[in-house]
Amino acid sequence: MALVELLLSPLPAHVRTARLVTVTAARRAGLEDGLVDEFRFAVGEAASRAVGLNQQHAPGDAVRITVEDGPEGLTVTVTDRGPAAGLAPDDVAAEIYQSGDLDEEPPLAPDVALALITGLVDTTAVDAGPDGTIVTLRWSLSAAARGPGSTVVASV
C-alpha cells in the first residue's frame, strides 16, 4: 500500500504540482492508461477548487491532498478550508448573486467543479464540516495492476 501526501500553499501554480505528483502515484499504483487523463482532470479540478476556496476563506492554510493505493482501489482526498458549495455567508459577492443584477454570466461556483468531478470518477464523496470540505475520489484497480508500495510525504 502506497501513500502520498501533499501540503500545498493555496496558489494556482501548485495545482500543476498536484496533478504531476498524483498522476505519477496513480501510474505507479497501476491505474489503467486509459483512465490517466480522466484522473488528471478530476484531480486538477478538485485541487483548483480547494486552492480557490483556501485563497478566499483561509489564505494561510495549506490544501492537503493524499493519494492512497489500498484494498478499495486508488483513493485521492483533497481537503480545503472553504464551504462545501454555494456562497459563504460572509461572501462579498453574495449580494450580487442574490440581486440578479449581473450583466454577464456569473463565474463558476465551486459546486460546478464537483459536478465535473463526479462524472469522471468511479466513486465520489463530499464531506463538509465547519472547518472545511474533504472531497474523496476513488478509482478501482485490478489486483494484477497494483504497483509496488511506498510512502512519500511532501510540502510545497
C-alpha atoms as a PDB file:
ATOM      1  CA  MET A   1       0.000   0.000   0.000  1.00  0.00           C
ATOM      2  CA  ALA A   2       1.412   3.384  -1.023  1.00  0.00           C
ATOM      3  CA  LEU A   3       0.578   6.767   0.476  1.00  0.00           C
ATOM      4  CA  VAL A   4       1.496  10.155  -0.980  1.00  0.00           C
ATOM      5  CA  GLU A   5       0.619  13.327   0.924  1.00  0.00           C
ATOM      6  CA  LEU A   6       0.969  16.874  -0.396  1.00  0.00           C
ATOM      7  CA  LEU A   7       0.531  20.056   1.614  1.00  0.00           C
ATOM      8  CA  LEU A   8       0.243  22.921  -0.860  1.00  0.00           C
ATOM      9  CA  SER A   9       0.138  26.656  -0.332  1.00  0.00           C
ATOM     10  CA  PRO A  10      -3.117  27.910  -1.888  1.00  0.00           C
ATOM     11  CA  LEU A  11      -1.530  29.217  -5.082  1.00  0.00           C
ATOM     12  CA  PRO A  12      -2.792  28.358  -8.588  1.00  0.00           C
ATOM     13  CA  ALA A  13       0.724  27.311  -9.676  1.00  0.00           C
ATOM     14  CA  HIS A  14       0.609  24.452  -7.175  1.00  0.00           C
ATOM     15  CA  VAL A  15      -2.342  22.829  -8.936  1.00  0.00           C
ATOM     16  CA  ARG A  16       0.067  21.713 -11.647  1.00  0.00           C
ATOM     17  CA  THR A  17       2.359  20.237  -8.999  1.00  0.00           C
ATOM     18  CA  ALA A  18      -0.587  18.336  -7.525  1.00  0.00           C
ATOM     19  CA  ARG A  19      -1.513  16.922 -10.946  1.00  0.00           C
ATOM     20  CA  LEU A  20       2.055  15.828 -11.702  1.00  0.00           C
ATOM     21  CA  VAL A  21       2.654  14.135  -8.352  1.00  0.00           C
ATOM     22  CA  THR A  22      -0.740  12.424  -8.159  1.00  0.00           C
ATOM     23  CA  VAL A  23      -0.583  11.125 -11.741  1.00  0.00           C
ATOM     24  CA  THR A  24       2.862   9.672 -11.041  1.00  0.00           C
ATOM     25  CA  ALA A  25       1.499   7.966  -7.908  1.00  0.00           C
ATOM     26  CA  ALA A  26      -1.536   6.682  -9.824  1.00  0.00           C
ATOM     27  CA  ARG A  27       0.600   5.201 -12.591  1.00  0.00           C
ATOM     28  CA  ARG A  28       2.838   3.565 -10.023  1.00  0.00           C
ATOM     29  CA  ALA A  29      -0.256   2.118  -8.325  1.00  0.00           C
ATOM     30  CA  GLY A  30      -1.354   0.580 -11.639  1.00  0.00           C
ATOM     31  CA  LEU A  31      -4.095   2.910 -12.874  1.00  0.00           C
ATOM     32  CA  GLU A  32      -5.015   1.883 -16.408  1.00  0.00           C
ATOM     33  CA  ASP A  33      -3.512   4.101 -19.125  1.00  0.00           C
ATOM     34  CA  GLY A  34      -6.979   4.834 -20.494  1.00  0.00           C
ATOM     35  CA  LEU A  35      -8.003   6.423 -17.174  1.00  0.00           C
ATOM     36  CA  VAL A  36      -4.936   8.623 -16.638  1.00  0.00           C
ATOM     37  CA  ASP A  37      -6.340  11.660 -18.494  1.00  0.00           C
ATOM     38  CA  GLU A  38      -9.629  11.483 -16.587  1.00  0.00           C
ATOM     39  CA  PHE A  39      -7.680  11.071 -13.334  1.00  0.00           C
ATOM     40  CA  ARG A  40      -5.505  14.104 -14.163  1.00  0.00           C
ATOM     41  CA  PHE A  41      -8.544  16.226 -14.997  1.00  0.00           C
ATOM     42  CA  ALA A  42     -10.503  15.171 -11.886  1.00  0.00           C
ATOM     43  CA  VAL A  43      -7.572  15.794  -9.534  1.00  0.00           C
ATOM     44  CA  GLY A  44      -6.855  19.121 -11.258  1.00  0.00           C
ATOM     45  CA  GLU A  45     -10.472  20.234 -10.779  1.00  0.00           C
ATOM     46  CA  ALA A  46     -10.512  19.163  -7.134  1.00  0.00           C
ATOM     47  CA  ALA A  47      -7.175  20.877  -6.456  1.00  0.00           C
ATOM     48  CA  SER A  48      -8.230  24.072  -8.282  1.00  0.00           C
ATOM     49  CA  ARG A  49     -11.454  24.174  -6.279  1.00  0.00           C
ATOM     50  CA  ALA A  50      -9.586  23.694  -2.993  1.00  0.00           C
ATOM     51  CA  VAL A  51      -6.942  26.311  -3.837  1.00  0.00           C
ATOM     52  CA  GLY A  52      -9.617  28.844  -4.772  1.00  0.00           C
ATOM     53  CA  LEU A  53     -11.579  28.227  -1.590  1.00  0.00           C
ATOM     54  CA  ASN A  54      -8.482  28.441   0.599  1.00  0.00           C
ATOM     55  CA  GLN A  55      -7.395  31.658  -1.118  1.00  0.00           C
ATOM     56  CA  GLN A  56     -10.772  33.171  -0.318  1.00  0.00           C
ATOM     57  CA  HIS A  57     -11.500  31.718   3.128  1.00  0.00           C
ATOM     58  CA  ALA A  58      -8.166  30.642   4.666  1.00  0.00           C
ATOM     59  CA  PRO A  59      -5.203  32.006   2.678  1.00  0.00           C
ATOM     60  CA  GLY A  60      -2.701  31.000   5.364  1.00  0.00           C
ATOM     61  CA  ASP A  61      -3.766  27.341   5.443  1.00  0.00           C
ATOM     62  CA  ALA A  62      -2.436  24.597   3.190  1.00  0.00           C
ATOM     63  CA  VAL A  63      -4.518  22.469   0.855  1.00  0.00           C
ATOM     64  CA  ARG A  64      -3.997  18.793   1.745  1.00  0.00           C
ATOM     65  CA  ILE A  65      -4.012  16.151  -0.974  1.00  0.00           C
ATOM     66  CA  THR A  66      -3.425  12.452  -0.383  1.00  0.00           C
ATOM     67  CA  VAL A  67      -3.218   9.554  -2.813  1.00  0.00           C
ATOM     68  CA  GLU A  68      -3.536   6.070  -1.384  1.00  0.00           C
ATOM     69  CA  ASP A  69      -3.355   2.712  -3.100  1.00  0.00           C
ATOM     70  CA  GLY A  70      -5.320   0.381  -0.844  1.00  0.00           C
ATOM     71  CA  PRO A  71      -7.616  -2.624  -0.924  1.00  0.00           C
ATOM     72  CA  GLU A  72     -10.539  -0.432  -2.048  1.00  0.00           C
ATOM     73  CA  GLY A  73      -8.559   0.894  -5.025  1.00  0.00           C
ATOM     74  CA  LEU A  74      -6.876   4.219  -5.670  1.00  0.00           C
ATOM     75  CA  THR A  75      -8.188   6.943  -3.354  1.00  0.00           C
ATOM     76  CA  VAL A  76      -7.465  10.667  -3.615  1.00  0.00           C
ATOM     77  CA  THR A  77      -8.615  13.049  -0.885  1.00  0.00           C
ATOM     78  CA  VAL A  78      -8.483  16.816  -1.239  1.00  0.00           C
ATOM     79  CA  THR A  79      -9.046  18.831   1.930  1.00  0.00           C
ATOM     80  CA  ASP A  80      -9.728  22.572   1.945  1.00  0.00           C
ATOM     81  CA  ARG A  81     -10.901  25.182   4.447  1.00  0.00           C
ATOM     82  CA  GLY A  82     -13.852  26.523   2.459  1.00  0.00           C
ATOM     83  CA  PRO A  83     -17.589  25.841   2.373  1.00  0.00           C
ATOM     84  CA  ALA A  84     -18.855  22.743   0.572  1.00  0.00           C
ATOM     85  CA  ALA A  85     -20.964  24.511  -2.015  1.00  0.00           C
ATOM     86  CA  GLY A  86     -22.697  27.755  -2.734  1.00  0.00           C
ATOM     87  CA  LEU A  87     -21.758  31.113  -1.281  1.00  0.00           C
ATOM     88  CA  ALA A  88     -20.310  31.564   2.166  1.00  0.00           C
ATOM     89  CA  PRO A  89     -22.466  33.760   4.438  1.00  0.00           C
ATOM     90  CA  ASP A  90     -19.815  36.499   4.540  1.00  0.00           C
ATOM     91  CA  ASP A  91     -19.012  36.375   0.805  1.00  0.00           C
ATOM     92  CA  VAL A  92     -18.963  39.908  -0.641  1.00  0.00           C
ATOM     93  CA  ALA A  93     -20.352  38.557  -3.924  1.00  0.00           C
ATOM     94  CA  ALA A  94     -23.481  37.208  -2.219  1.00  0.00           C
ATOM     95  CA  GLU A  95     -25.445  40.449  -2.743  1.00  0.00           C
ATOM     96  CA  ILE A  96     -24.603  40.499  -6.449  1.00  0.00           C
ATOM     97  CA  TYR A  97     -25.664  36.858  -6.941  1.00  0.00           C
ATOM     98  CA  GLN A  98     -28.865  37.282  -4.988  1.00  0.00           C
ATOM     99  CA  SER A  99     -29.878  40.585  -6.629  1.00  0.00           C
ATOM    100  CA  GLY A 100     -29.868  39.151 -10.158  1.00  0.00           C
ATOM    101  CA  ASP A 101     -28.175  42.339 -11.454  1.00  0.00           C
ATOM    102  CA  LEU A 102     -25.414  40.518 -13.309  1.00  0.00           C
ATOM    103  CA  ASP A 103     -24.662  41.829 -16.806  1.00  0.00           C
ATOM    104  CA  GLU A 104     -22.803  38.638 -17.689  1.00  0.00           C
ATOM    105  CA  GLU A 105     -22.903  35.003 -16.758  1.00  0.00           C
ATOM    106  CA  PRO A 106     -21.718  34.559 -13.169  1.00  0.00           C
ATOM    107  CA  PRO A 107     -18.309  32.931 -12.631  1.00  0.00           C
ATOM    108  CA  LEU A 108     -18.310  29.210 -11.982  1.00  0.00           C
ATOM    109  CA  ALA A 109     -19.079  28.293  -8.408  1.00  0.00           C
ATOM    110  CA  PRO A 110     -17.138  25.584  -6.539  1.00  0.00           C
ATOM    111  CA  ASP A 111     -20.109  23.202  -6.866  1.00  0.00           C
ATOM    112  CA  VAL A 112     -19.659  23.186 -10.676  1.00  0.00           C
ATOM    113  CA  ALA A 113     -16.212  21.653 -10.199  1.00  0.00           C
ATOM    114  CA  LEU A 114     -17.801  18.976  -8.009  1.00  0.00           C
ATOM    115  CA  ALA A 115     -20.305  18.185 -10.759  1.00  0.00           C
ATOM    116  CA  LEU A 116     -17.490  17.796 -13.304  1.00  0.00           C
ATOM    117  CA  ILE A 117     -15.503  15.573 -10.962  1.00  0.00           C
ATOM    118  CA  THR A 118     -18.469  13.290 -10.299  1.00  0.00           C
ATOM    119  CA  GLY A 119     -18.674  12.466 -13.993  1.00  0.00           C
ATOM    120  CA  LEU A 120     -15.015  11.394 -14.149  1.00  0.00           C
ATOM    121  CA  VAL A 121     -14.596   9.256 -11.041  1.00  0.00           C
ATOM    122  CA  ASP A 122     -15.867   5.784 -10.080  1.00  0.00           C
ATOM    123  CA  THR A 123     -16.896   6.954  -6.595  1.00  0.00           C
ATOM    124  CA  THR A 124     -17.043  10.500  -5.204  1.00  0.00           C
ATOM    125  CA  ALA A 125     -17.824  11.685  -1.678  1.00  0.00           C
ATOM    126  CA  VAL A 126     -18.014  15.238  -0.334  1.00  0.00           C
ATOM    127  CA  ASP A 127     -17.842  15.648   3.429  1.00  0.00           C
ATOM    128  CA  ALA A 128     -18.461  19.215   4.564  1.00  0.00           C
ATOM    129  CA  GLY A 129     -17.887  20.437   8.056  1.00  0.00           C
ATOM    130  CA  PRO A 130     -17.370  23.698   9.888  1.00  0.00           C
ATOM    131  CA  ASP A 131     -13.611  23.533   9.244  1.00  0.00           C
ATOM    132  CA  GLY A 132     -13.772  22.837   5.510  1.00  0.00           C
ATOM    133  CA  THR A 133     -14.510  20.189   2.940  1.00  0.00           C
ATOM    134  CA  ILE A 134     -12.997  16.802   2.169  1.00  0.00           C
ATOM    135  CA  VAL A 135     -13.528  15.617  -1.398  1.00  0.00           C
ATOM    136  CA  THR A 136     -12.770  11.902  -1.802  1.00  0.00           C
ATOM    137  CA  LEU A 137     -12.238  10.409  -5.258  1.00  0.00           C
ATOM    138  CA  ARG A 138     -11.922   6.638  -5.724  1.00  0.00           C
ATOM    139  CA  TRP A 139     -10.971   4.510  -8.731  1.00  0.00           C
ATOM    140  CA  SER A 140     -10.967   0.726  -8.836  1.00  0.00           C
ATOM    141  CA  LEU A 141      -7.678  -1.039  -9.504  1.00  0.00           C
ATOM    142  CA  SER A 142      -7.261  -4.627 -10.607  1.00  0.00           C
ATOM    143  CA  ALA A 143      -5.170  -6.720  -8.201  1.00  0.00           C
ATOM    144  CA  ALA A 144      -2.735  -7.600 -11.005  1.00  0.00           C
ATOM    145  CA  ALA A 145      -2.168  -3.948 -11.897  1.00  0.00           C
ATOM    146  CA  ARG A 146      -1.059  -2.777  -8.452  1.00  0.00           C
ATOM    147  CA  GLY A 147       2.467  -1.396  -8.333  1.00  0.00           C
ATOM    148  CA  PRO A 148       4.989  -1.609  -5.525  1.00  0.00           C
ATOM    149  CA  GLY A 149       4.100   0.222  -2.306  1.00  0.00           C
ATOM    150  CA  SER A 150       5.946   3.044  -0.571  1.00  0.00           C
ATOM    151  CA  THR A 151       5.217   6.167   1.396  1.00  0.00           C
ATOM    152  CA  VAL A 152       6.142   9.715   0.332  1.00  0.00           C
ATOM    153  CA  VAL A 153       5.352  12.961   2.150  1.00  0.00           C
ATOM    154  CA  ALA A 154       5.984  16.397   0.580  1.00  0.00           C
ATOM    155  CA  SER A 155       5.246  20.029   1.375  1.00  0.00           C
ATOM    156  CA  VAL A 156       5.297  22.723  -1.273  1.00  0.00           C
END
